[in-house]
C-alpha atoms as a PDB file:
ATOM      1  CA  MET A   1     -15.054  24.906  11.985  1.00  0.00           C
ATOM      2  CA  GLU A   2     -12.396  22.234  12.694  1.00  0.00           C
ATOM      3  CA  LYS A   3      -9.023  23.798  13.546  1.00  0.00           C
ATOM      4  CA  ASN A   4      -7.037  20.596  13.219  1.00  0.00           C
ATOM      5  CA  SER A   5      -6.441  18.369  10.220  1.00  0.00           C
ATOM      6  CA  ILE A   6      -5.281  14.786  10.239  1.00  0.00           C
ATOM      7  CA  PRO A   7      -1.569  14.072   9.709  1.00  0.00           C
ATOM      8  CA  GLY A   8      -0.575  11.224   7.417  1.00  0.00           C
ATOM      9  CA  ILE A   9       2.369   9.105   6.332  1.00  0.00           C
ATOM     10  CA  THR A  10       3.543   7.435   3.124  1.00  0.00           C
ATOM     11  CA  LYS A  11       6.640   5.385   2.421  1.00  0.00           C
ATOM     12  CA  SER A  12       8.613   4.571  -0.707  1.00  0.00           C
ATOM     13  CA  VAL A  13      11.787   2.732  -1.688  1.00  0.00           C
ATOM     14  CA  TYR A  14      14.245   3.546  -4.486  1.00  0.00           C
ATOM     15  CA  GLU A  15      14.351   1.126  -7.434  1.00  0.00           C
ATOM     16  CA  ASP A  16      17.598   1.316  -9.419  1.00  0.00           C
ATOM     17  CA  SER A  17      16.146  -0.073 -12.653  1.00  0.00           C
ATOM     18  CA  THR A  18      13.528   2.695 -12.932  1.00  0.00           C
ATOM     19  CA  GLU A  19      15.561   5.358 -11.102  1.00  0.00           C
ATOM     20  CA  ASP A  20      12.413   6.233  -9.171  1.00  0.00           C
ATOM     21  CA  TYR A  21      10.685   5.629  -5.834  1.00  0.00           C
ATOM     22  CA  GLY A  22       7.763   3.231  -5.405  1.00  0.00           C
ATOM     23  CA  VAL A  23       6.313   0.602  -3.086  1.00  0.00           C
ATOM     24  CA  SER A  24       8.765  -2.141  -4.086  1.00  0.00           C
ATOM     25  CA  ASN A  25      12.260  -2.712  -5.410  1.00  0.00           C
ATOM     26  CA  ASP A  26      14.725  -5.462  -6.270  1.00  0.00           C
ATOM     27  CA  ALA A  27      18.076  -5.820  -4.505  1.00  0.00           C
ATOM     28  CA  SER A  28      20.840  -8.296  -3.794  1.00  0.00           C
ATOM     29  CA  VAL A  29      22.483  -9.298  -0.538  1.00  0.00           C
ATOM     30  CA  GLY A  30      24.922  -6.528   0.397  1.00  0.00           C
ATOM     31  CA  ASP A  31      23.055  -3.802  -1.517  1.00  0.00           C
ATOM     32  CA  GLU A  32      22.209  -0.515   0.146  1.00  0.00           C
ATOM     33  CA  VAL A  33      18.509   0.365  -0.198  1.00  0.00           C
ATOM     34  CA  GLU A  34      17.158   3.910   0.221  1.00  0.00           C
ATOM     35  CA  PHE A  35      13.791   4.593   1.845  1.00  0.00           C
ATOM     36  CA  VAL A  36      11.803   7.837   2.012  1.00  0.00           C
ATOM     37  CA  ILE A  37       9.066   8.488   4.548  1.00  0.00           C
ATOM     38  CA  THR A  38       6.790  11.427   3.785  1.00  0.00           C
ATOM     39  CA  VAL A  39       4.903  12.895   6.734  1.00  0.00           C
ATOM     40  CA  ASN A  40       2.030  15.293   6.102  1.00  0.00           C
ATOM     41  CA  THR A  41       1.983  17.392   9.264  1.00  0.00           C
ATOM     42  CA  GLY A  42      -1.663  18.395   9.360  1.00  0.00           C
ATOM     43  CA  VAL A  43      -2.772  21.416  11.383  1.00  0.00           C
ATOM     44  CA  GLY A  44      -2.527  21.858  15.124  1.00  0.00           C
ATOM     45  CA  VAL A  45      -0.411  18.773  15.889  1.00  0.00           C
ATOM     46  CA  ASP A  46       2.723  19.663  17.811  1.00  0.00           C
ATOM     47  CA  SER A  47       4.523  16.319  17.887  1.00  0.00           C
ATOM     48  CA  LEU A  48       4.620  13.550  15.293  1.00  0.00           C
ATOM     49  CA  GLN A  49       6.230  10.210  16.131  1.00  0.00           C
ATOM     50  CA  ILE A  50       7.378   7.828  13.390  1.00  0.00           C
ATOM     51  CA  VAL A  51       7.848   4.117  14.122  1.00  0.00           C
ATOM     52  CA  ASP A  52       9.740   2.309  11.366  1.00  0.00           C
ATOM     53  CA  VAL A  53      10.333  -1.466  11.453  1.00  0.00           C
ATOM     54  CA  LEU A  54      12.717  -3.392   9.193  1.00  0.00           C
ATOM     55  CA  SER A  55      11.930  -7.080   8.724  1.00  0.00           C
ATOM     56  CA  ARG A  56      14.534  -9.845   8.799  1.00  0.00           C
ATOM     57  CA  GLY A  57      16.926  -9.379   5.883  1.00  0.00           C
ATOM     58  CA  LEU A  58      17.232  -5.594   6.207  1.00  0.00           C
ATOM     59  CA  LYS A  59      19.609  -3.830   8.609  1.00  0.00           C
ATOM     60  CA  LEU A  60      19.464  -0.094   9.333  1.00  0.00           C
ATOM     61  CA  ASN A  61      22.519   1.507   7.737  1.00  0.00           C
ATOM     62  CA  SER A  62      22.177   5.283   8.162  1.00  0.00           C
ATOM     63  CA  ASP A  63      20.480   7.599  10.597  1.00  0.00           C
ATOM     64  CA  PRO A  64      17.155   8.977   9.403  1.00  0.00           C
ATOM     65  CA  LYS A  65      17.422  12.652   8.397  1.00  0.00           C
ATOM     66  CA  PHE A  66      15.402  15.303   6.613  1.00  0.00           C
ATOM     67  CA  LYS A  67      15.771  14.749   2.841  1.00  0.00           C
ATOM     68  CA  THR A  68      15.410  18.452   2.102  1.00  0.00           C
ATOM     69  CA  ASN A  69      15.546  21.495   4.302  1.00  0.00           C
ATOM     70  CA  SER A  70      12.496  21.338   6.517  1.00  0.00           C
ATOM     71  CA  LYS A  71      11.438  23.508   9.395  1.00  0.00           C
ATOM     72  CA  GLY A  72      11.503  21.544  12.606  1.00  0.00           C
ATOM     73  CA  THR A  73      13.596  19.040  14.465  1.00  0.00           C
ATOM     74  CA  LEU A  74      13.934  15.328  13.834  1.00  0.00           C
ATOM     75  CA  LYS A  75      14.947  13.588  17.061  1.00  0.00           C
ATOM     76  CA  ILE A  76      15.886   9.912  16.998  1.00  0.00           C
ATOM     77  CA  ASP A  77      14.241   8.465  20.117  1.00  0.00           C
ATOM     78  CA  ASP A  78      15.346   4.863  19.604  1.00  0.00           C
ATOM     79  CA  LYS A  79      17.415   3.138  16.938  1.00  0.00           C
ATOM     80  CA  ASN A  80      18.705  -0.385  16.346  1.00  0.00           C
ATOM     81  CA  ASP A  81      19.473  -2.708  13.424  1.00  0.00           C
ATOM     82  CA  ASN A  82      15.744  -3.396  12.985  1.00  0.00           C
ATOM     83  CA  GLY A  83      14.461   0.162  12.690  1.00  0.00           C
ATOM     84  CA  PHE A  84      13.913   3.352  14.616  1.00  0.00           C
ATOM     85  CA  THR A  85      11.500   5.625  16.402  1.00  0.00           C
ATOM     86  CA  ALA A  86      11.799   9.356  15.728  1.00  0.00           C
ATOM     87  CA  THR A  87       9.864  12.483  16.681  1.00  0.00           C
ATOM     88  CA  ILE A  88       9.299  15.599  14.579  1.00  0.00           C
ATOM     89  CA  THR A  89       8.662  18.844  16.507  1.00  0.00           C
ATOM     90  CA  GLY A  90       8.679  22.533  15.628  1.00  0.00           C
ATOM     91  CA  HIS A  91       7.333  21.916  12.120  1.00  0.00           C
ATOM     92  CA  ASP A  92       5.005  24.087  10.042  1.00  0.00           C
ATOM     93  CA  ASP A  93       1.355  23.108   9.713  1.00  0.00           C
ATOM     94  CA  ASN A  94       0.078  21.469   6.527  1.00  0.00           C
ATOM     95  CA  LYS A  95       3.527  20.687   5.132  1.00  0.00           C
ATOM     96  CA  SER A  96       5.085  17.522   3.731  1.00  0.00           C
ATOM     97  CA  ILE A  97       8.331  16.519   5.390  1.00  0.00           C
ATOM     98  CA  GLU A  98      10.525  13.884   3.754  1.00  0.00           C
ATOM     99  CA  ILE A  99      12.802  11.700   5.855  1.00  0.00           C
ATOM    100  CA  VAL A 100      15.441   9.546   4.174  1.00  0.00           C
ATOM    101  CA  TYR A 101      17.558   6.655   5.418  1.00  0.00           C
ATOM    102  CA  THR A 102      19.241   3.537   4.087  1.00  0.00           C
ATOM    103  CA  ALA A 103      19.303  -0.137   5.018  1.00  0.00           C
ATOM    104  CA  VAL A 104      21.521  -2.989   3.825  1.00  0.00           C
ATOM    105  CA  VAL A 105      20.150  -6.283   2.527  1.00  0.00           C
ATOM    106  CA  THR A 106      21.620  -9.046   4.705  1.00  0.00           C
ATOM    107  CA  SER A 107      22.179 -12.748   4.095  1.00  0.00           C
ATOM    108  CA  ASP A 108      19.021 -13.372   6.176  1.00  0.00           C
ATOM    109  CA  ALA A 109      16.933 -11.903   3.344  1.00  0.00           C
ATOM    110  CA  ILE A 110      13.701 -13.677   2.567  1.00  0.00           C
ATOM    111  CA  VAL A 111      14.005 -14.811  -1.051  1.00  0.00           C
ATOM    112  CA  SER A 112      11.157 -14.328  -3.577  1.00  0.00           C
ATOM    113  CA  THR A 113       8.353 -13.209  -1.208  1.00  0.00           C
ATOM    114  CA  GLY A 114       9.910  -9.836  -0.403  1.00  0.00           C
ATOM    115  CA  ILE A 115      11.202  -8.195   2.738  1.00  0.00           C
ATOM    116  CA  GLU A 116       8.651  -5.873   4.312  1.00  0.00           C
ATOM    117  CA  ASN A 117       9.503  -2.515   5.751  1.00  0.00           C
ATOM    118  CA  THR A 118       6.698  -0.824   7.673  1.00  0.00           C
ATOM    119  CA  ALA A 119       6.130   2.603   9.153  1.00  0.00           C
ATOM    120  CA  LYS A 120       3.343   4.248  11.102  1.00  0.00           C
ATOM    121  CA  LEU A 121       2.707   7.666  12.549  1.00  0.00           C
ATOM    122  CA  ILE A 122       1.577   8.385  16.109  1.00  0.00           C
ATOM    123  CA  TYR A 123       0.182  11.855  16.796  1.00  0.00           C
ATOM    124  CA  GLY A 124      -2.035  13.995  18.997  1.00  0.00           C
ATOM    125  CA  ASP A 125      -3.000  14.012  22.645  1.00  0.00           C
ATOM    126  CA  ASN A 126      -4.672  10.608  22.296  1.00  0.00           C
ATOM    127  CA  ASN A 127      -1.648   9.020  20.566  1.00  0.00           C
ATOM    128  CA  THR A 128      -3.665   8.252  17.452  1.00  0.00           C
ATOM    129  CA  VAL A 129      -1.925   5.672  15.239  1.00  0.00           C
ATOM    130  CA  THR A 130      -2.200   5.758  11.442  1.00  0.00           C
ATOM    131  CA  PRO A 131      -2.506   2.552   9.457  1.00  0.00           C
ATOM    132  CA  GLU A 132       0.897   1.035   8.636  1.00  0.00           C
ATOM    133  CA  VAL A 133       2.434   1.847   5.286  1.00  0.00           C
ATOM    134  CA  LYS A 134       4.678  -0.783   3.671  1.00  0.00           C
ATOM    135  CA  THR A 135       7.347  -1.312   1.090  1.00  0.00           C
ATOM    136  CA  LYS A 136       8.795  -4.608  -0.126  1.00  0.00           C
ATOM    137  CA  THR A 137      12.333  -5.363  -1.204  1.00  0.00           C
ATOM    138  CA  PHE A 138      12.567  -8.456  -3.373  1.00  0.00           C
ATOM    139  CA  VAL A 139      15.665 -10.663  -3.413  1.00  0.00           C
ATOM    140  CA  TRP A 140      15.783 -13.461  -5.980  1.00  0.00           C
ATOM    141  CA  SER A 141      17.694 -16.715  -6.217  1.00  0.00           C
ATOM    142  CA  PHE A 142      18.356 -19.216  -8.955  1.00  0.00           C
ATOM    143  CA  ASP A 143      20.144 -22.538  -9.325  1.00  0.00           C
ATOM    144  CA  VAL A 144      23.083 -22.957 -11.691  1.00  0.00           C
ATOM    145  CA  ALA A 145      24.653 -26.233 -12.744  1.00  0.00           C
ATOM    146  CA  LYS A 146      27.632 -26.476 -15.075  1.00  0.00           C
ATOM    147  CA  VAL A 147      27.260 -29.533 -17.353  1.00  0.00           C
ATOM    148  CA  ASP A 148      28.866 -30.908 -20.479  1.00  0.00           C
ATOM    149  CA  SER A 149      27.071 -31.482 -23.790  1.00  0.00           C
ATOM    150  CA  ASN A 150      25.692 -34.811 -22.437  1.00  0.00           C
ATOM    151  CA  ASN A 151      24.221 -33.086 -19.357  1.00  0.00           C
ATOM    152  CA  ASN A 152      26.852 -34.616 -17.040  1.00  0.00           C
ATOM    153  CA  SER A 153      27.960 -32.504 -14.099  1.00  0.00           C
ATOM    154  CA  LEU A 154      31.405 -30.982 -14.454  1.00  0.00           C
ATOM    155  CA  THR A 155      32.974 -31.652 -11.074  1.00  0.00           C
ATOM    156  CA  GLY A 156      35.293 -28.880  -9.952  1.00  0.00           C
ATOM    157  CA  ALA A 157      34.123 -26.462 -12.653  1.00  0.00           C
ATOM    158  CA  THR A 158      34.110 -22.828 -11.554  1.00  0.00           C
ATOM    159  CA  PHE A 159      32.452 -19.772 -13.000  1.00  0.00           C
ATOM    160  CA  SER A 160      31.547 -16.252 -11.988  1.00  0.00           C
ATOM    161  CA  ILE A 161      28.321 -14.294 -12.238  1.00  0.00           C
ATOM    162  CA  PHE A 162      28.448 -10.511 -12.381  1.00  0.00           C
ATOM    163  CA  ALA A 163      25.723  -7.938 -11.879  1.00  0.00           C
ATOM    164  CA  THR A 164      26.862  -5.852 -14.846  1.00  0.00           C
ATOM    165  CA  LYS A 165      29.094  -6.097 -17.900  1.00  0.00           C
ATOM    166  CA  ALA A 166      31.342  -3.432 -16.347  1.00  0.00           C
ATOM    167  CA  ASP A 167      31.803  -5.603 -13.242  1.00  0.00           C
ATOM    168  CA  ALA A 168      32.797  -8.576 -15.416  1.00  0.00           C
ATOM    169  CA  GLU A 169      35.241  -6.485 -17.449  1.00  0.00           C
ATOM    170  CA  ALA A 170      36.810  -5.096 -14.272  1.00  0.00           C
ATOM    171  CA  LYS A 171      37.641  -8.612 -13.031  1.00  0.00           C
END
């Protein structure tokens, strides 16, 4: 009988409009985006290494940490604006461990096609690598032109666009 079971990894991103986690979300430049990585520890694997990569347009904002109390240690091995590498040790077998962190959408964001965020898990004596899991953060753009009733441009016209009615009222 096999003593070990295969660890796994999933990834999700918080979407404000649904107030839930999924594989994609919408955000604006300057927004903070929350990601959750779920690692299924398997059986008989002592060390689990997570490699998380943020694509252009996302900048790591907070250190990864356990989302809920979990047995074990999360050690950040390497961290920069574009992601991190972390190792989980001392964990229980066959448990799900959630790791949470945030990133900020930068002005380098790729508009319309989505900004990918990938993660993979490396485990075992042979450094087995799981398939990458991905999320996408979509940033949208649109053109605005202020014109008169004859469709002539109004030179020097100014206007403001607000994300919410409350933001507009606060101005």
